[in-house]
C-alpha atoms as a PDB file:
ATOM      1  CA  MET A   1      -0.282  -0.039   0.055  1.00  0.00           C
ATOM      2  CA  ALA A   2       1.109   3.444  -1.112  1.00  0.00           C
ATOM      3  CA  GLU A   3       0.311   6.476   1.978  1.00  0.00           C
ATOM      4  CA  ASN A   4      -1.445   9.105   1.406  1.00  0.00           C
ATOM      5  CA  ASP A   5       0.617  12.587   1.374  1.00  0.00           C
ATOM      6  CA  THR A   6      -1.803  15.408   2.437  1.00  0.00           C
ATOM      7  CA  GLY A   7       0.868  17.532   3.852  1.00  0.00           C
ATOM      8  CA  LEU A   8      -1.320  19.494   6.050  1.00  0.00           C
ATOM      9  CA  LYS A   9      -0.469  22.785   6.287  1.00  0.00           C
ATOM     10  CA  PRO A  10      -2.201  25.619   8.969  1.00  0.00           C
ATOM     11  CA  LYS A  11      -4.497  27.923   7.866  1.00  0.00           C
ATOM     12  CA  THR A  12      -3.328  31.711   6.868  1.00  0.00           C
ATOM     13  CA  THR A  13      -6.091  34.142   7.428  1.00  0.00           C
ATOM     14  CA  THR A  14      -5.490  37.745   7.007  1.00  0.00           C
ATOM     15  CA  LYS A  15      -6.952  39.629  10.063  1.00  0.00           C
ATOM     16  CA  PRO A  16      -8.102  43.341   8.192  1.00  0.00           C
ATOM     17  CA  LYS A  17      -6.390  45.807   9.016  1.00  0.00           C
ATOM     18  CA  LEU A  18      -9.320  48.745  11.177  1.00  0.00           C
ATOM     19  CA  GLU A  19      -8.872  52.234  11.635  1.00  0.00           C
ATOM     20  CA  ARG A  20      -8.679  54.210  14.892  1.00  0.00           C
ATOM     21  CA  PRO A  21     -11.874  56.118  14.119  1.00  0.00           C
ATOM     22  CA  LYS A  22     -11.367  59.792  13.577  1.00  0.00           C
ATOM     23  CA  LEU A  23     -11.649  61.849  17.544  1.00  0.00           C
ATOM     24  CA  TYR A  24     -13.680  65.642  17.259  1.00  0.00           C
ATOM     25  CA  LYS A  25     -12.551  68.578  19.823  1.00  0.00           C
ATOM     26  CA  VAL A  26     -15.345  69.751  21.894  1.00  0.00           C
ATOM     27  CA  ILE A  27     -14.937  73.239  21.484  1.00  0.00           C
ATOM     28  CA  LEU A  28     -16.602  76.543  23.529  1.00  0.00           C
ATOM     29  CA  VAL A  29     -16.849  79.094  21.648  1.00  0.00           C
ATOM     30  CA  ASN A  30     -17.216  82.499  23.900  1.00  0.00           C
ATOM     31  CA  ASP A  31     -20.017  85.161  24.340  1.00  0.00           C
ATOM     32  CA  ASP A  32     -20.735  88.184  26.593  1.00  0.00           C
ATOM     33  CA  TYR A  33     -23.899  87.096  27.975  1.00  0.00           C
ATOM     34  CA  THR A  34     -24.073  84.094  29.682  1.00  0.00           C
ATOM     35  CA  PRO A  35     -22.645  84.315  33.530  1.00  0.00           C
ATOM     36  CA  ARG A  36     -19.708  82.930  33.916  1.00  0.00           C
ATOM     37  CA  GLU A  37     -20.785  80.583  37.128  1.00  0.00           C
ATOM     38  CA  PHE A  38     -23.540  79.033  34.893  1.00  0.00           C
ATOM     39  CA  VAL A  39     -20.823  78.243  32.112  1.00  0.00           C
ATOM     40  CA  ILE A  40     -19.159  76.875  34.843  1.00  0.00           C
ATOM     41  CA  MET A  41     -22.301  74.008  35.826  1.00  0.00           C
ATOM     42  CA  VAL A  42     -22.415  73.118  32.627  1.00  0.00           C
ATOM     43  CA  LEU A  43     -19.034  72.264  32.148  1.00  0.00           C
ATOM     44  CA  LYS A  44     -19.816  70.390  35.859  1.00  0.00           C
ATOM     45  CA  ALA A  45     -22.759  69.314  34.912  1.00  0.00           C
ATOM     46  CA  VAL A  46     -21.839  67.528  31.039  1.00  0.00           C
ATOM     47  CA  PHE A  47     -18.082  67.247  31.222  1.00  0.00           C
ATOM     48  CA  HIS A  48     -17.914  65.571  35.126  1.00  0.00           C
ATOM     49  CA  MET A  49     -15.236  68.725  35.286  1.00  0.00           C
ATOM     50  CA  SER A  50     -13.894  69.811  38.474  1.00  0.00           C
ATOM     51  CA  GLU A  51     -14.867  73.562  39.538  1.00  0.00           C
ATOM     52  CA  GLU A  52     -11.673  74.235  39.113  1.00  0.00           C
ATOM     53  CA  THR A  53     -10.779  73.376  35.910  1.00  0.00           C
ATOM     54  CA  GLY A  54     -13.893  75.063  34.584  1.00  0.00           C
ATOM     55  CA  TYR A  55     -12.665  77.823  35.828  1.00  0.00           C
ATOM     56  CA  ARG A  56      -9.784  77.630  34.068  1.00  0.00           C
ATOM     57  CA  MET A  57     -12.241  76.590  30.460  1.00  0.00           C
ATOM     58  CA  MET A  58     -14.414  79.383  30.430  1.00  0.00           C
ATOM     59  CA  LEU A  59     -11.555  81.633  31.743  1.00  0.00           C
ATOM     60  CA  THR A  60      -9.623  80.824  28.547  1.00  0.00           C
ATOM     61  CA  ALA A  61     -12.397  79.916  26.057  1.00  0.00           C
ATOM     62  CA  HIS A  62     -13.092  84.212  27.177  1.00  0.00           C
ATOM     63  CA  LYS A  63      -9.669  85.280  26.591  1.00  0.00           C
ATOM     64  CA  MET A  64      -9.517  83.206  23.929  1.00  0.00           C
ATOM     65  CA  GLY A  65     -12.502  83.734  22.244  1.00  0.00           C
ATOM     66  CA  VAL A  66     -12.541  79.784  22.634  1.00  0.00           C
ATOM     67  CA  CYS A  67     -11.097  76.622  24.027  1.00  0.00           C
ATOM     68  CA  VAL A  68     -10.855  73.110  22.940  1.00  0.00           C
ATOM     69  CA  ILE A  69     -13.501  70.736  26.268  1.00  0.00           C
ATOM     70  CA  VAL A  70     -12.046  67.744  25.285  1.00  0.00           C
ATOM     71  CA  VAL A  71     -11.156  64.979  22.026  1.00  0.00           C
ATOM     72  CA  CYS A  72     -13.029  62.148  21.835  1.00  0.00           C
ATOM     73  CA  ALA A  73     -15.276  59.545  19.525  1.00  0.00           C
ATOM     74  CA  ARG A  74     -17.612  62.040  16.996  1.00  0.00           C
ATOM     75  CA  ASP A  75     -21.186  60.408  18.087  1.00  0.00           C
ATOM     76  CA  ILE A  76     -19.172  61.414  22.268  1.00  0.00           C
ATOM     77  CA  ALA A  77     -18.495  64.613  20.671  1.00  0.00           C
ATOM     78  CA  GLU A  78     -21.359  65.938  18.482  1.00  0.00           C
ATOM     79  CA  SER A  79     -23.833  64.318  21.771  1.00  0.00           C
ATOM     80  CA  LYS A  80     -22.117  66.203  24.350  1.00  0.00           C
ATOM     81  CA  ALA A  81     -21.500  69.925  22.138  1.00  0.00           C
ATOM     82  CA  LYS A  82     -25.375  70.065  21.852  1.00  0.00           C
ATOM     83  CA  GLU A  83     -25.874  68.074  25.781  1.00  0.00           C
ATOM     84  CA  ALA A  84     -24.174  71.586  27.343  1.00  0.00           C
ATOM     85  CA  THR A  85     -25.998  74.127  23.716  1.00  0.00           C
ATOM     86  CA  ASP A  86     -29.696  72.207  24.945  1.00  0.00           C
ATOM     87  CA  LEU A  87     -28.547  73.598  28.695  1.00  0.00           C
ATOM     88  CA  GLY A  88     -27.594  76.977  27.866  1.00  0.00           C
ATOM     89  CA  LYS A  89     -30.926  77.247  25.541  1.00  0.00           C
ATOM     90  CA  GLU A  90     -33.561  76.454  28.289  1.00  0.00           C
ATOM     91  CA  ALA A  91     -31.479  78.898  30.326  1.00  0.00           C
ATOM     92  CA  GLY A  92     -32.209  81.322  27.656  1.00  0.00           C
ATOM     93  CA  PHE A  93     -28.972  82.333  27.250  1.00  0.00           C
ATOM     94  CA  PRO A  94     -26.299  82.082  23.874  1.00  0.00           C
ATOM     95  CA  LEU A  95     -24.021  79.298  25.389  1.00  0.00           C
ATOM     96  CA  MET A  96     -22.249  77.645  21.871  1.00  0.00           C
ATOM     97  CA  PHE A  97     -21.012  73.695  22.112  1.00  0.00           C
ATOM     98  CA  THR A  98     -18.765  73.264  18.473  1.00  0.00           C
ATOM     99  CA  THR A  99     -17.782  70.685  17.340  1.00  0.00           C
ATOM    100  CA  GLU A 100     -13.967  69.378  14.764  1.00  0.00           C
ATOM    101  CA  PRO A 101     -12.228  67.348  13.912  1.00  0.00           C
ATOM    102  CA  GLU A 102      -8.394  66.808  15.301  1.00  0.00           C
ATOM    103  CA  GLU A 103      -5.568  66.965  12.833  1.00  0.00           C
END
């Protein structure tokens, strides 16, 4: 009887290379009407910042015109920006947060 010459080769599997999702910045835009205390309260409530960190972010936006609050995935950034902006609208203030891709 002849021996079966069946060579066993391990299957090679190729894993698709997954790209990391692009990150987005949530930006606080300064305005001259929203009280500082309200901005800090929103930063604490929506972005879970401490009083001191919220104060520094608010002051940076006040001096520079804008301030990057957080960098995260797009869906999280957009929902946080909308939630924070909506809090301002509900209170009657023109508080505005925007999102843009990080470069």
